[in-house]
Amino acid sequence: MQHDINDLIAIFNNEFSLSENTRLIRGDDEPVYLPADEQTCYHRVIFAHGFYASGLHEIAHWCIAGKERRLLEDFGYWYAPDGRNAQQQAAFEKVEIKPQAIEWAFCVAAGFKFNVSVDNLSGIEVDRDAFRSSVHAQVEQYLHSGFPPRAQQFITALQKFYDRDEKLKIEHFALNSNKKAGEVLEKSSLIPKCDGAVTSSLETPCYV
């Protein structure tokens, strides 16, 4: 299955450009969210370097940002750079659990490989498996209580576009990091074939 970034842009913009006055934009550098201003009359979710994975990640952040935060650049968060200490990394992981759980659901809906992002290559050693378990637990909670409305809307749009209309189940989310996201779906006739996802250097919200 091919995952064209132009398709992702079209899916998002078809869903939200009118209802939320927001468009997904392919960026050349680091990701950023920019609210409408005097020069641009719509809000922009700008993802990094044209990467499909970055697009899904930034959309996930947008899906959980409240109305007031969506009027602020980068939703009003500040970002600690790569090389975080233990306290900064703990703060990063705390605020990344929900968006990465939503991103994982997007990946399953689209048949795209999911990789958790701890995004601290030059900092302290990170327990990636523990963080993945936390994200997985949040996925399970969302499956039980429901995803945020815009996230669910986008999940449905991805499933429709990629012809993957089976209801998401916890079995679709492989906790074993050696398995592909959506691998279980192969057993139920939904067959993700893309295994070339790139995890970019993603923005890292910390304290508000």
N, C-alpha and C. Protein backbone atom coordinates (compact mmCIF):
# COMPACT_ATOMS: atom_id res chain seq x y z
N MET A 1 0.84 -1.20 0.00
CA MET A 1 0.00 0.00 0.00
C MET A 1 0.88 1.24 0.00
N GLN A 2 0.63 2.13 -0.93
CA GLN A 2 1.38 3.36 -1.02
C GLN A 2 0.76 4.44 -0.13
N HIS A 3 1.62 5.22 0.49
CA HIS A 3 1.16 6.31 1.35
C HIS A 3 1.76 7.61 0.84
N ASP A 4 0.99 8.30 0.05
CA ASP A 4 1.41 9.54 -0.60
C ASP A 4 1.05 10.72 0.30
N ILE A 5 2.01 11.56 0.57
CA ILE A 5 1.77 12.70 1.46
C ILE A 5 0.71 13.63 0.88
N ASN A 6 0.60 13.68 -0.43
CA ASN A 6 -0.43 14.53 -1.04
C ASN A 6 -1.83 14.00 -0.74
N ASP A 7 -1.95 12.68 -0.62
CA ASP A 7 -3.24 12.10 -0.22
C ASP A 7 -3.58 12.51 1.21
N LEU A 8 -2.58 12.45 2.09
CA LEU A 8 -2.82 12.83 3.48
C LEU A 8 -3.28 14.28 3.59
N ILE A 9 -2.62 15.14 2.84
CA ILE A 9 -2.99 16.56 2.84
C ILE A 9 -4.43 16.72 2.35
N ALA A 10 -4.77 16.02 1.28
CA ALA A 10 -6.12 16.13 0.72
C ALA A 10 -7.18 15.61 1.70
N ILE A 11 -6.89 14.48 2.36
CA ILE A 11 -7.85 13.92 3.32
C ILE A 11 -8.11 14.91 4.44
N PHE A 12 -7.02 15.45 5.01
CA PHE A 12 -7.18 16.40 6.12
C PHE A 12 -7.93 17.65 5.67
N ASN A 13 -7.51 18.21 4.56
CA ASN A 13 -8.12 19.47 4.12
C ASN A 13 -9.58 19.29 3.72
N ASN A 14 -9.91 18.14 3.16
CA ASN A 14 -11.31 17.87 2.84
C ASN A 14 -12.18 17.81 4.09
N GLU A 15 -11.59 17.33 5.18
CA GLU A 15 -12.34 17.19 6.43
C GLU A 15 -12.44 18.50 7.21
N PHE A 16 -11.37 19.31 7.19
CA PHE A 16 -11.28 20.39 8.16
C PHE A 16 -11.04 21.80 7.61
N SER A 17 -10.78 21.92 6.32
CA SER A 17 -10.47 23.26 5.81
C SER A 17 -11.66 24.21 5.93
N LEU A 18 -12.86 23.69 5.77
CA LEU A 18 -14.05 24.54 5.90
C LEU A 18 -14.57 24.57 7.33
N SER A 19 -14.73 23.40 7.94
CA SER A 19 -15.35 23.34 9.27
C SER A 19 -14.47 23.95 10.35
N GLU A 20 -13.14 23.83 10.22
CA GLU A 20 -12.22 24.33 11.24
C GLU A 20 -11.29 25.42 10.72
N ASN A 21 -11.46 25.80 9.45
CA ASN A 21 -10.59 26.81 8.84
C ASN A 21 -9.11 26.46 9.04
N THR A 22 -8.80 25.19 8.86
CA THR A 22 -7.45 24.69 9.12
C THR A 22 -6.99 23.82 7.96
N ARG A 23 -5.72 23.99 7.57
CA ARG A 23 -5.17 23.21 6.47
C ARG A 23 -3.86 22.56 6.90
N LEU A 24 -3.62 21.39 6.34
CA LEU A 24 -2.35 20.69 6.54
C LEU A 24 -1.38 21.15 5.47
N ILE A 25 -0.18 21.57 5.91
CA ILE A 25 0.81 22.14 5.00
C ILE A 25 2.11 21.36 5.08
N ARG A 26 2.65 21.03 3.93
CA ARG A 26 3.96 20.37 3.88
C ARG A 26 5.05 21.41 4.13
N GLY A 27 5.87 21.19 5.17
CA GLY A 27 6.94 22.12 5.52
C GLY A 27 8.29 21.63 5.03
N ASP A 28 9.25 22.53 5.02
CA ASP A 28 10.61 22.19 4.61
C ASP A 28 11.54 21.98 5.79
N ASP A 29 11.10 22.39 6.98
CA ASP A 29 11.97 22.33 8.15
C ASP A 29 11.21 21.70 9.31
N GLU A 30 11.36 22.24 10.51
CA GLU A 30 10.71 21.68 11.68
C GLU A 30 9.20 21.97 11.67
N PRO A 31 8.41 21.12 12.32
CA PRO A 31 6.96 21.32 12.34
C PRO A 31 6.56 22.50 13.21
N VAL A 32 5.42 23.08 12.89
CA VAL A 32 4.90 24.19 13.68
C VAL A 32 3.41 24.34 13.39
N TYR A 33 2.66 24.80 14.39
CA TYR A 33 1.27 25.16 14.18
C TYR A 33 1.17 26.67 14.20
N LEU A 34 0.55 27.23 13.16
CA LEU A 34 0.41 28.68 13.06
C LEU A 34 -1.06 29.04 12.90
N PRO A 35 -1.59 29.84 13.81
CA PRO A 35 -2.98 30.29 13.67
C PRO A 35 -3.10 31.32 12.55
N ALA A 36 -4.32 31.54 12.11
CA ALA A 36 -4.56 32.54 11.06
C ALA A 36 -4.07 33.91 11.53
N ASP A 37 -3.59 34.70 10.57
CA ASP A 37 -3.10 36.04 10.90
C ASP A 37 -3.45 36.99 9.75
N GLU A 38 -2.86 38.16 9.76
CA GLU A 38 -3.19 39.16 8.74
C GLU A 38 -2.76 38.72 7.35
N GLN A 39 -1.71 37.91 7.27
CA GLN A 39 -1.22 37.46 5.96
C GLN A 39 -1.91 36.19 5.46
N THR A 40 -2.35 35.34 6.38
CA THR A 40 -2.96 34.07 6.02
C THR A 40 -4.27 33.91 6.77
N CYS A 41 -5.34 33.69 6.04
CA CYS A 41 -6.68 33.71 6.65
C CYS A 41 -7.10 32.37 7.23
N TYR A 42 -6.23 31.36 7.21
CA TYR A 42 -6.58 30.06 7.75
C TYR A 42 -5.46 29.57 8.67
N HIS A 43 -5.80 28.66 9.58
CA HIS A 43 -4.83 28.06 10.48
C HIS A 43 -4.03 27.00 9.71
N ARG A 44 -2.77 26.78 10.14
CA ARG A 44 -1.89 25.87 9.41
C ARG A 44 -1.24 24.86 10.35
N VAL A 45 -1.43 23.60 10.03
CA VAL A 45 -0.69 22.52 10.68
C VAL A 45 0.45 22.17 9.74
N ILE A 46 1.65 22.60 10.08
CA ILE A 46 2.81 22.44 9.19
C ILE A 46 3.66 21.29 9.71
N PHE A 47 3.85 20.27 8.88
CA PHE A 47 4.61 19.10 9.31
C PHE A 47 6.00 19.08 8.68
N ALA A 48 6.88 18.25 9.22
CA ALA A 48 8.31 18.32 8.93
C ALA A 48 8.70 17.58 7.66
N HIS A 49 9.43 18.25 6.80
CA HIS A 49 10.20 17.65 5.71
C HIS A 49 9.38 16.76 4.77
N GLY A 50 8.09 16.93 4.74
CA GLY A 50 7.27 16.12 3.85
C GLY A 50 7.12 14.67 4.28
N PHE A 51 7.38 14.35 5.55
CA PHE A 51 7.27 12.98 6.03
C PHE A 51 5.82 12.65 6.39
N TYR A 52 5.34 11.51 5.92
CA TYR A 52 3.98 11.07 6.23
C TYR A 52 3.80 10.90 7.73
N ALA A 53 4.79 10.31 8.39
CA ALA A 53 4.71 10.09 9.84
C ALA A 53 4.61 11.41 10.59
N SER A 54 5.36 12.41 10.16
CA SER A 54 5.30 13.72 10.80
C SER A 54 3.92 14.34 10.61
N GLY A 55 3.34 14.16 9.43
CA GLY A 55 2.00 14.68 9.19
C GLY A 55 0.99 14.10 10.17
N LEU A 56 1.02 12.78 10.35
CA LEU A 56 0.11 12.15 11.29
C LEU A 56 0.34 12.64 12.71
N HIS A 57 1.60 12.81 13.08
CA HIS A 57 1.92 13.24 14.44
C HIS A 57 1.39 14.65 14.72
N GLU A 58 1.61 15.55 13.78
CA GLU A 58 1.15 16.93 13.99
C GLU A 58 -0.37 17.02 13.98
N ILE A 59 -1.01 16.22 13.16
CA ILE A 59 -2.48 16.19 13.17
C ILE A 59 -2.98 15.71 14.52
N ALA A 60 -2.31 14.71 15.10
CA ALA A 60 -2.72 14.20 16.41
C ALA A 60 -2.65 15.29 17.47
N HIS A 61 -1.57 16.08 17.46
CA HIS A 61 -1.47 17.20 18.41
C HIS A 61 -2.62 18.18 18.20
N TRP A 62 -2.93 18.48 16.96
CA TRP A 62 -4.01 19.42 16.65
C TRP A 62 -5.36 18.88 17.14
N CYS A 63 -5.54 17.57 17.05
CA CYS A 63 -6.83 16.97 17.41
C CYS A 63 -7.13 17.06 18.90
N ILE A 64 -6.12 17.23 19.74
CA ILE A 64 -6.39 17.31 21.17
C ILE A 64 -6.20 18.73 21.71
N ALA A 65 -5.81 19.66 20.86
CA ALA A 65 -5.66 21.05 21.30
C ALA A 65 -7.05 21.69 21.40
N GLY A 66 -7.29 22.38 22.51
CA GLY A 66 -8.56 23.04 22.71
C GLY A 66 -8.72 24.29 21.85
N LYS A 67 -9.91 24.86 21.86
CA LYS A 67 -10.22 26.00 21.01
C LYS A 67 -9.28 27.17 21.26
N GLU A 68 -9.02 27.49 22.53
CA GLU A 68 -8.15 28.62 22.84
C GLU A 68 -6.72 28.34 22.43
N ARG A 69 -6.25 27.13 22.64
CA ARG A 69 -4.87 26.80 22.25
C ARG A 69 -4.69 26.87 20.73
N ARG A 70 -5.74 26.60 19.99
CA ARG A 70 -5.62 26.64 18.53
C ARG A 70 -5.55 28.06 18.00
N LEU A 71 -5.64 29.04 18.88
CA LEU A 71 -5.43 30.44 18.49
C LEU A 71 -4.01 30.90 18.78
N LEU A 72 -3.16 29.98 19.29
CA LEU A 72 -1.80 30.32 19.68
C LEU A 72 -0.79 29.55 18.83
N GLU A 73 0.33 30.19 18.53
CA GLU A 73 1.39 29.49 17.81
C GLU A 73 1.86 28.29 18.62
N ASP A 74 1.99 27.14 17.94
CA ASP A 74 2.36 25.89 18.59
C ASP A 74 1.50 25.60 19.82
N PHE A 75 0.25 26.04 19.76
CA PHE A 75 -0.74 25.79 20.81
C PHE A 75 -0.32 26.38 22.15
N GLY A 76 0.62 27.31 22.14
CA GLY A 76 1.04 27.96 23.37
C GLY A 76 2.02 27.18 24.21
N TYR A 77 2.57 26.09 23.66
CA TYR A 77 3.56 25.31 24.39
C TYR A 77 4.97 25.79 24.07
N TRP A 78 5.89 25.52 24.98
CA TRP A 78 7.30 25.71 24.64
C TRP A 78 7.94 24.33 24.55
N TYR A 79 9.03 24.25 23.84
CA TYR A 79 9.60 22.96 23.48
C TYR A 79 11.05 22.85 23.92
N ALA A 80 11.35 21.81 24.68
CA ALA A 80 12.73 21.54 25.06
C ALA A 80 13.42 20.81 23.92
N PRO A 81 14.62 21.20 23.55
CA PRO A 81 15.31 20.57 22.42
C PRO A 81 15.82 19.18 22.76
N ASP A 82 16.28 18.48 21.73
CA ASP A 82 16.92 17.18 21.91
C ASP A 82 18.08 17.34 22.89
N GLY A 83 18.29 16.30 23.74
CA GLY A 83 19.32 16.39 24.75
C GLY A 83 18.75 16.68 26.13
N ARG A 84 17.47 16.33 26.34
CA ARG A 84 16.79 16.64 27.59
C ARG A 84 17.34 15.81 28.75
N ASN A 85 17.28 16.39 29.95
CA ASN A 85 17.65 15.65 31.16
C ASN A 85 16.46 14.80 31.60
N ALA A 86 16.61 14.09 32.72
CA ALA A 86 15.58 13.15 33.15
C ALA A 86 14.25 13.85 33.44
N GLN A 87 14.30 15.01 34.09
CA GLN A 87 13.06 15.73 34.41
C GLN A 87 12.37 16.22 33.15
N GLN A 88 13.14 16.76 32.22
CA GLN A 88 12.57 17.24 30.96
C GLN A 88 12.00 16.09 30.15
N GLN A 89 12.70 14.95 30.14
CA GLN A 89 12.21 13.80 29.38
C GLN A 89 10.92 13.27 29.97
N ALA A 90 10.81 13.26 31.29
CA ALA A 90 9.57 12.81 31.93
C ALA A 90 8.41 13.73 31.55
N ALA A 91 8.68 15.03 31.50
CA ALA A 91 7.64 15.98 31.10
C ALA A 91 7.24 15.77 29.65
N PHE A 92 8.23 15.53 28.80
CA PHE A 92 7.96 15.25 27.38
C PHE A 92 7.04 14.03 27.24
N GLU A 93 7.40 12.95 27.91
CA GLU A 93 6.64 11.72 27.77
C GLU A 93 5.21 11.89 28.29
N LYS A 94 5.05 12.65 29.37
CA LYS A 94 3.72 12.84 29.94
C LYS A 94 2.77 13.50 28.95
N VAL A 95 3.25 14.52 28.25
CA VAL A 95 2.37 15.23 27.32
C VAL A 95 2.31 14.58 25.94
N GLU A 96 3.20 13.62 25.67
CA GLU A 96 3.20 12.95 24.37
C GLU A 96 2.35 11.70 24.34
N ILE A 97 1.94 11.19 25.48
CA ILE A 97 1.21 9.92 25.51
C ILE A 97 -0.09 10.00 24.71
N LYS A 98 -0.90 11.01 24.95
CA LYS A 98 -2.19 11.10 24.25
C LYS A 98 -2.03 11.34 22.76
N PRO A 99 -1.21 12.32 22.32
CA PRO A 99 -1.08 12.49 20.87
C PRO A 99 -0.49 11.28 20.17
N GLN A 100 0.45 10.59 20.82
CA GLN A 100 1.02 9.42 20.16
C GLN A 100 0.04 8.25 20.15
N ALA A 101 -0.85 8.17 21.13
CA ALA A 101 -1.91 7.16 21.08
C ALA A 101 -2.84 7.43 19.90
N ILE A 102 -3.17 8.70 19.69
CA ILE A 102 -4.01 9.07 18.55
C ILE A 102 -3.27 8.82 17.24
N GLU A 103 -2.00 9.16 17.20
CA GLU A 103 -1.19 8.90 16.01
C GLU A 103 -1.18 7.41 15.68
N TRP A 104 -1.06 6.58 16.70
CA TRP A 104 -1.07 5.13 16.50
C TRP A 104 -2.38 4.70 15.86
N ALA A 105 -3.49 5.25 16.34
CA ALA A 105 -4.78 4.92 15.75
C ALA A 105 -4.85 5.37 14.29
N PHE A 106 -4.30 6.53 13.99
CA PHE A 106 -4.23 6.99 12.60
C PHE A 106 -3.46 5.99 11.75
N CYS A 107 -2.33 5.51 12.28
CA CYS A 107 -1.50 4.57 11.53
C CYS A 107 -2.25 3.28 11.24
N VAL A 108 -2.95 2.76 12.24
CA VAL A 108 -3.72 1.54 12.03
C VAL A 108 -4.82 1.79 11.00
N ALA A 109 -5.48 2.93 11.10
CA ALA A 109 -6.55 3.26 10.16
C ALA A 109 -6.05 3.36 8.73
N ALA A 110 -4.79 3.80 8.57
CA ALA A 110 -4.22 4.00 7.24
C ALA A 110 -3.35 2.83 6.78
N GLY A 111 -3.11 1.85 7.65
CA GLY A 111 -2.22 0.75 7.30
C GLY A 111 -0.78 1.18 7.21
N PHE A 112 -0.37 2.06 8.10
CA PHE A 112 0.97 2.64 8.08
C PHE A 112 1.70 2.24 9.35
N LYS A 113 2.99 1.98 9.26
CA LYS A 113 3.77 1.55 10.42
C LYS A 113 3.88 2.66 11.45
N PHE A 114 3.63 2.30 12.71
CA PHE A 114 3.76 3.26 13.81
C PHE A 114 5.04 3.02 14.58
N ASN A 115 5.74 4.10 14.91
CA ASN A 115 6.89 4.06 15.79
C ASN A 115 6.69 5.10 16.89
N VAL A 116 6.80 4.68 18.15
CA VAL A 116 6.77 5.69 19.20
C VAL A 116 8.00 6.57 19.05
N SER A 117 7.85 7.83 19.40
CA SER A 117 8.95 8.78 19.31
C SER A 117 9.29 9.31 20.69
N VAL A 118 10.50 8.95 21.17
CA VAL A 118 10.99 9.51 22.42
C VAL A 118 11.85 10.73 22.16
N ASP A 119 12.35 10.86 20.93
CA ASP A 119 12.93 12.11 20.42
C ASP A 119 13.94 12.73 21.38
N ASN A 120 14.91 11.93 21.82
CA ASN A 120 15.94 12.46 22.73
C ASN A 120 17.26 11.75 22.44
N LEU A 121 17.71 11.87 21.20
CA LEU A 121 18.84 11.09 20.72
C LEU A 121 20.13 11.40 21.45
N SER A 122 20.31 12.64 21.87
CA SER A 122 21.58 13.02 22.50
C SER A 122 21.44 13.28 23.99
N GLY A 123 20.30 12.88 24.57
CA GLY A 123 20.09 13.09 26.00
C GLY A 123 20.24 11.80 26.77
N ILE A 124 19.53 11.68 27.89
CA ILE A 124 19.63 10.49 28.72
C ILE A 124 19.08 9.28 27.99
N GLU A 125 19.48 8.10 28.44
CA GLU A 125 18.93 6.87 27.88
C GLU A 125 17.46 6.76 28.26
N VAL A 126 16.63 6.39 27.30
CA VAL A 126 15.19 6.38 27.48
C VAL A 126 14.67 4.95 27.42
N ASP A 127 13.74 4.62 28.31
CA ASP A 127 13.09 3.30 28.30
C ASP A 127 11.97 3.34 27.27
N ARG A 128 12.32 3.03 26.04
CA ARG A 128 11.37 3.13 24.94
C ARG A 128 10.19 2.17 25.12
N ASP A 129 10.47 0.96 25.62
CA ASP A 129 9.40 -0.02 25.79
C ASP A 129 8.39 0.43 26.84
N ALA A 130 8.87 1.05 27.91
CA ALA A 130 7.96 1.54 28.95
C ALA A 130 7.07 2.65 28.40
N PHE A 131 7.65 3.53 27.59
CA PHE A 131 6.86 4.60 27.00
C PHE A 131 5.83 4.03 26.03
N ARG A 132 6.24 3.06 25.25
CA ARG A 132 5.30 2.43 24.32
C ARG A 132 4.14 1.78 25.08
N SER A 133 4.44 1.18 26.23
CA SER A 133 3.38 0.58 27.05
C SER A 133 2.40 1.63 27.54
N SER A 134 2.91 2.80 27.90
CA SER A 134 2.04 3.89 28.36
C SER A 134 1.15 4.38 27.22
N VAL A 135 1.72 4.49 26.03
CA VAL A 135 0.94 4.90 24.87
C VAL A 135 -0.12 3.84 24.56
N HIS A 136 0.26 2.58 24.65
CA HIS A 136 -0.68 1.48 24.39
C HIS A 136 -1.84 1.52 25.38
N ALA A 137 -1.54 1.80 26.65
CA ALA A 137 -2.60 1.90 27.66
C ALA A 137 -3.56 3.03 27.34
N GLN A 138 -3.03 4.14 26.81
CA GLN A 138 -3.89 5.25 26.43
C GLN A 138 -4.76 4.89 25.22
N VAL A 139 -4.19 4.14 24.28
CA VAL A 139 -4.99 3.64 23.15
C VAL A 139 -6.17 2.83 23.67
N GLU A 140 -5.89 1.93 24.61
CA GLU A 140 -6.95 1.09 25.17
C GLU A 140 -8.03 1.93 25.83
N GLN A 141 -7.62 2.99 26.52
CA GLN A 141 -8.60 3.87 27.15
C GLN A 141 -9.45 4.58 26.10
N TYR A 142 -8.81 5.06 25.04
CA TYR A 142 -9.56 5.72 23.97
C TYR A 142 -10.55 4.75 23.30
N LEU A 143 -10.12 3.51 23.10
CA LEU A 143 -11.02 2.53 22.49
C LEU A 143 -12.23 2.27 23.37
N HIS A 144 -12.04 2.38 24.67
CA HIS A 144 -13.14 2.15 25.61
C HIS A 144 -14.06 3.36 25.74
N SER A 145 -13.45 4.56 25.83
CA SER A 145 -14.24 5.77 26.12
C SER A 145 -14.49 6.65 24.91
N GLY A 146 -13.78 6.38 23.81
CA GLY A 146 -13.94 7.17 22.60
C GLY A 146 -12.79 8.13 22.38
N PHE A 147 -12.41 8.30 21.13
CA PHE A 147 -11.38 9.26 20.76
C PHE A 147 -11.96 10.67 20.76
N PRO A 148 -11.10 11.68 20.90
CA PRO A 148 -11.59 13.06 20.74
C PRO A 148 -12.31 13.21 19.40
N PRO A 149 -13.33 14.05 19.31
CA PRO A 149 -14.18 14.11 18.11
C PRO A 149 -13.42 14.31 16.80
N ARG A 150 -12.49 15.26 16.76
CA ARG A 150 -11.77 15.49 15.50
C ARG A 150 -10.86 14.32 15.16
N ALA A 151 -10.30 13.68 16.19
CA ALA A 151 -9.48 12.50 15.95
C ALA A 151 -10.32 11.37 15.36
N GLN A 152 -11.50 11.15 15.91
CA GLN A 152 -12.38 10.11 15.38
C GLN A 152 -12.81 10.43 13.96
N GLN A 153 -13.08 11.68 13.69
CA GLN A 153 -13.45 12.09 12.34
C GLN A 153 -12.34 11.77 11.35
N PHE A 154 -11.09 12.03 11.76
CA PHE A 154 -9.97 11.78 10.86
C PHE A 154 -9.69 10.29 10.73
N ILE A 155 -9.85 9.53 11.81
CA ILE A 155 -9.71 8.07 11.73
C ILE A 155 -10.69 7.52 10.70
N THR A 156 -11.93 7.96 10.78
CA THR A 156 -12.95 7.50 9.84
C THR A 156 -12.60 7.87 8.41
N ALA A 157 -12.08 9.08 8.21
CA ALA A 157 -11.70 9.53 6.87
C ALA A 157 -10.54 8.70 6.32
N LEU A 158 -9.57 8.38 7.16
CA LEU A 158 -8.45 7.54 6.73
C LEU A 158 -8.94 6.14 6.36
N GLN A 159 -9.79 5.57 7.19
CA GLN A 159 -10.32 4.24 6.90
C GLN A 159 -11.08 4.21 5.58
N LYS A 160 -11.85 5.24 5.34
CA LYS A 160 -12.61 5.31 4.09
C LYS A 160 -11.67 5.41 2.89
N PHE A 161 -10.65 6.27 2.98
CA PHE A 161 -9.75 6.47 1.85
C PHE A 161 -8.95 5.21 1.55
N TYR A 162 -8.46 4.54 2.60
CA TYR A 162 -7.62 3.36 2.41
C TYR A 162 -8.42 2.06 2.41
N ASP A 163 -9.75 2.17 2.39
CA ASP A 163 -10.64 1.02 2.30
C ASP A 163 -10.38 0.04 3.45
N ARG A 164 -10.35 0.59 4.66
CA ARG A 164 -10.09 -0.20 5.87
C ARG A 164 -11.17 0.14 6.90
N ASP A 165 -12.36 -0.41 6.71
CA ASP A 165 -13.51 0.05 7.47
C ASP A 165 -13.82 -0.77 8.71
N GLU A 166 -12.94 -1.72 9.07
CA GLU A 166 -13.19 -2.50 10.28
C GLU A 166 -13.02 -1.62 11.52
N LYS A 167 -13.90 -1.78 12.50
CA LYS A 167 -13.81 -1.03 13.74
C LYS A 167 -12.49 -1.33 14.44
N LEU A 168 -11.82 -0.28 14.93
CA LEU A 168 -10.55 -0.47 15.61
C LEU A 168 -10.74 -1.26 16.90
N LYS A 169 -9.85 -2.22 17.12
CA LYS A 169 -9.86 -3.04 18.33
C LYS A 169 -8.46 -3.05 18.92
N ILE A 170 -8.36 -3.38 20.20
CA ILE A 170 -7.06 -3.38 20.85
C ILE A 170 -6.12 -4.39 20.19
N GLU A 171 -6.69 -5.46 19.60
CA GLU A 171 -5.86 -6.46 18.92
C GLU A 171 -5.12 -5.88 17.73
N HIS A 172 -5.57 -4.74 17.22
CA HIS A 172 -4.93 -4.11 16.07
C HIS A 172 -3.66 -3.35 16.46
N PHE A 173 -3.41 -3.23 17.76
CA PHE A 173 -2.29 -2.43 18.25
C PHE A 173 -1.29 -3.36 18.93
N ALA A 174 -0.22 -3.70 18.21
CA ALA A 174 0.76 -4.66 18.72
C ALA A 174 1.67 -3.98 19.73
N LEU A 175 1.63 -4.47 20.98
CA LEU A 175 2.49 -3.89 22.01
C LEU A 175 3.94 -4.29 21.81
N ASN A 176 4.17 -5.47 21.25
CA ASN A 176 5.53 -5.90 20.93
C ASN A 176 6.10 -4.96 19.90
N SER A 177 7.18 -4.26 20.26
CA SER A 177 7.76 -3.24 19.37
C SER A 177 8.36 -3.84 18.12
N ASN A 178 8.52 -5.18 18.06
CA ASN A 178 9.06 -5.80 16.86
C ASN A 178 8.00 -6.06 15.80
N LYS A 179 6.74 -5.83 16.18
CA LYS A 179 5.65 -6.02 15.23
C LYS A 179 5.22 -4.70 14.64
N LYS A 180 4.69 -4.75 13.47
CA LYS A 180 4.19 -3.55 12.82
C LYS A 180 2.83 -3.17 13.39
N ALA A 181 2.60 -1.88 13.48
CA ALA A 181 1.26 -1.43 13.84
C ALA A 181 0.31 -1.90 12.76
N GLY A 182 -0.80 -2.53 13.19
CA GLY A 182 -1.76 -3.02 12.22
C GLY A 182 -1.48 -4.42 11.74
N GLU A 183 -0.42 -5.08 12.30
CA GLU A 183 -0.08 -6.41 11.84
C GLU A 183 -1.24 -7.39 12.03
N VAL A 184 -1.95 -7.26 13.15
CA VAL A 184 -3.07 -8.16 13.41
C VAL A 184 -4.14 -8.01 12.36
N LEU A 185 -4.24 -6.83 11.75
CA LEU A 185 -5.27 -6.60 10.75
C LEU A 185 -5.07 -7.49 9.53
N GLU A 186 -3.85 -7.95 9.30
CA GLU A 186 -3.61 -8.82 8.16
C GLU A 186 -4.44 -10.10 8.29
N LYS A 187 -4.70 -10.52 9.53
CA LYS A 187 -5.45 -11.74 9.76
C LYS A 187 -6.94 -11.53 9.54
N SER A 188 -7.34 -10.26 9.43
CA SER A 188 -8.76 -9.98 9.23
C SER A 188 -8.99 -9.28 7.90
N SER A 189 -8.07 -9.55 6.96
CA SER A 189 -8.16 -9.13 5.56
C SER A 189 -7.82 -7.68 5.30
N LEU A 190 -7.44 -6.92 6.33
CA LEU A 190 -6.97 -5.56 6.11
C LEU A 190 -5.45 -5.62 6.09
N ILE A 191 -4.84 -5.37 4.97
CA ILE A 191 -3.43 -5.73 4.79
C ILE A 191 -2.57 -4.50 4.60
N PRO A 192 -1.90 -4.03 5.65
CA PRO A 192 -0.95 -2.93 5.49
C PRO A 192 0.34 -3.46 4.90
N LYS A 193 0.85 -2.84 3.88
CA LYS A 193 2.06 -3.31 3.24
C LYS A 193 3.22 -2.34 3.36
N CYS A 194 2.94 -1.13 3.88
CA CYS A 194 4.01 -0.15 3.97
C CYS A 194 4.81 -0.38 5.23
N ASP A 195 6.09 -0.65 5.12
CA ASP A 195 6.93 -0.83 6.30
C ASP A 195 8.12 0.12 6.27
N GLY A 196 7.96 1.25 5.58
CA GLY A 196 9.06 2.18 5.44
C GLY A 196 8.83 3.49 6.13
N ALA A 197 8.08 3.49 7.26
CA ALA A 197 7.79 4.75 7.94
C ALA A 197 9.06 5.38 8.46
N VAL A 198 9.12 6.67 8.41
CA VAL A 198 10.25 7.42 8.91
C VAL A 198 9.81 8.21 10.12
N THR A 199 10.49 8.03 11.25
CA THR A 199 10.19 8.81 12.43
C THR A 199 11.08 10.03 12.43
N SER A 200 10.50 11.17 12.21
CA SER A 200 11.28 12.40 12.12
C SER A 200 11.58 12.95 13.50
N SER A 201 12.38 13.99 13.54
CA SER A 201 12.59 14.73 14.77
C SER A 201 11.37 15.60 14.98
N LEU A 202 10.56 15.23 15.98
CA LEU A 202 9.26 15.86 16.14
C LEU A 202 9.29 16.87 17.25
N GLU A 203 8.36 17.82 17.17
CA GLU A 203 8.28 18.83 18.21
C GLU A 203 7.92 18.19 19.54
N THR A 204 8.41 18.77 20.63
CA THR A 204 8.32 18.13 21.92
C THR A 204 7.74 19.07 22.95
N PRO A 205 6.42 19.06 23.14
CA PRO A 205 5.82 19.97 24.11
C PRO A 205 6.16 19.58 25.53
N CYS A 206 6.51 20.56 26.33
CA CYS A 206 6.81 20.30 27.73
C CYS A 206 5.84 21.07 28.61
N TYR A 207 6.34 21.88 29.50
CA TYR A 207 5.47 22.58 30.43
C TYR A 207 4.69 23.69 29.75
N VAL A 208 3.50 23.96 30.28
CA VAL A 208 2.69 25.08 29.81
C VAL A 208 2.94 26.26 30.72
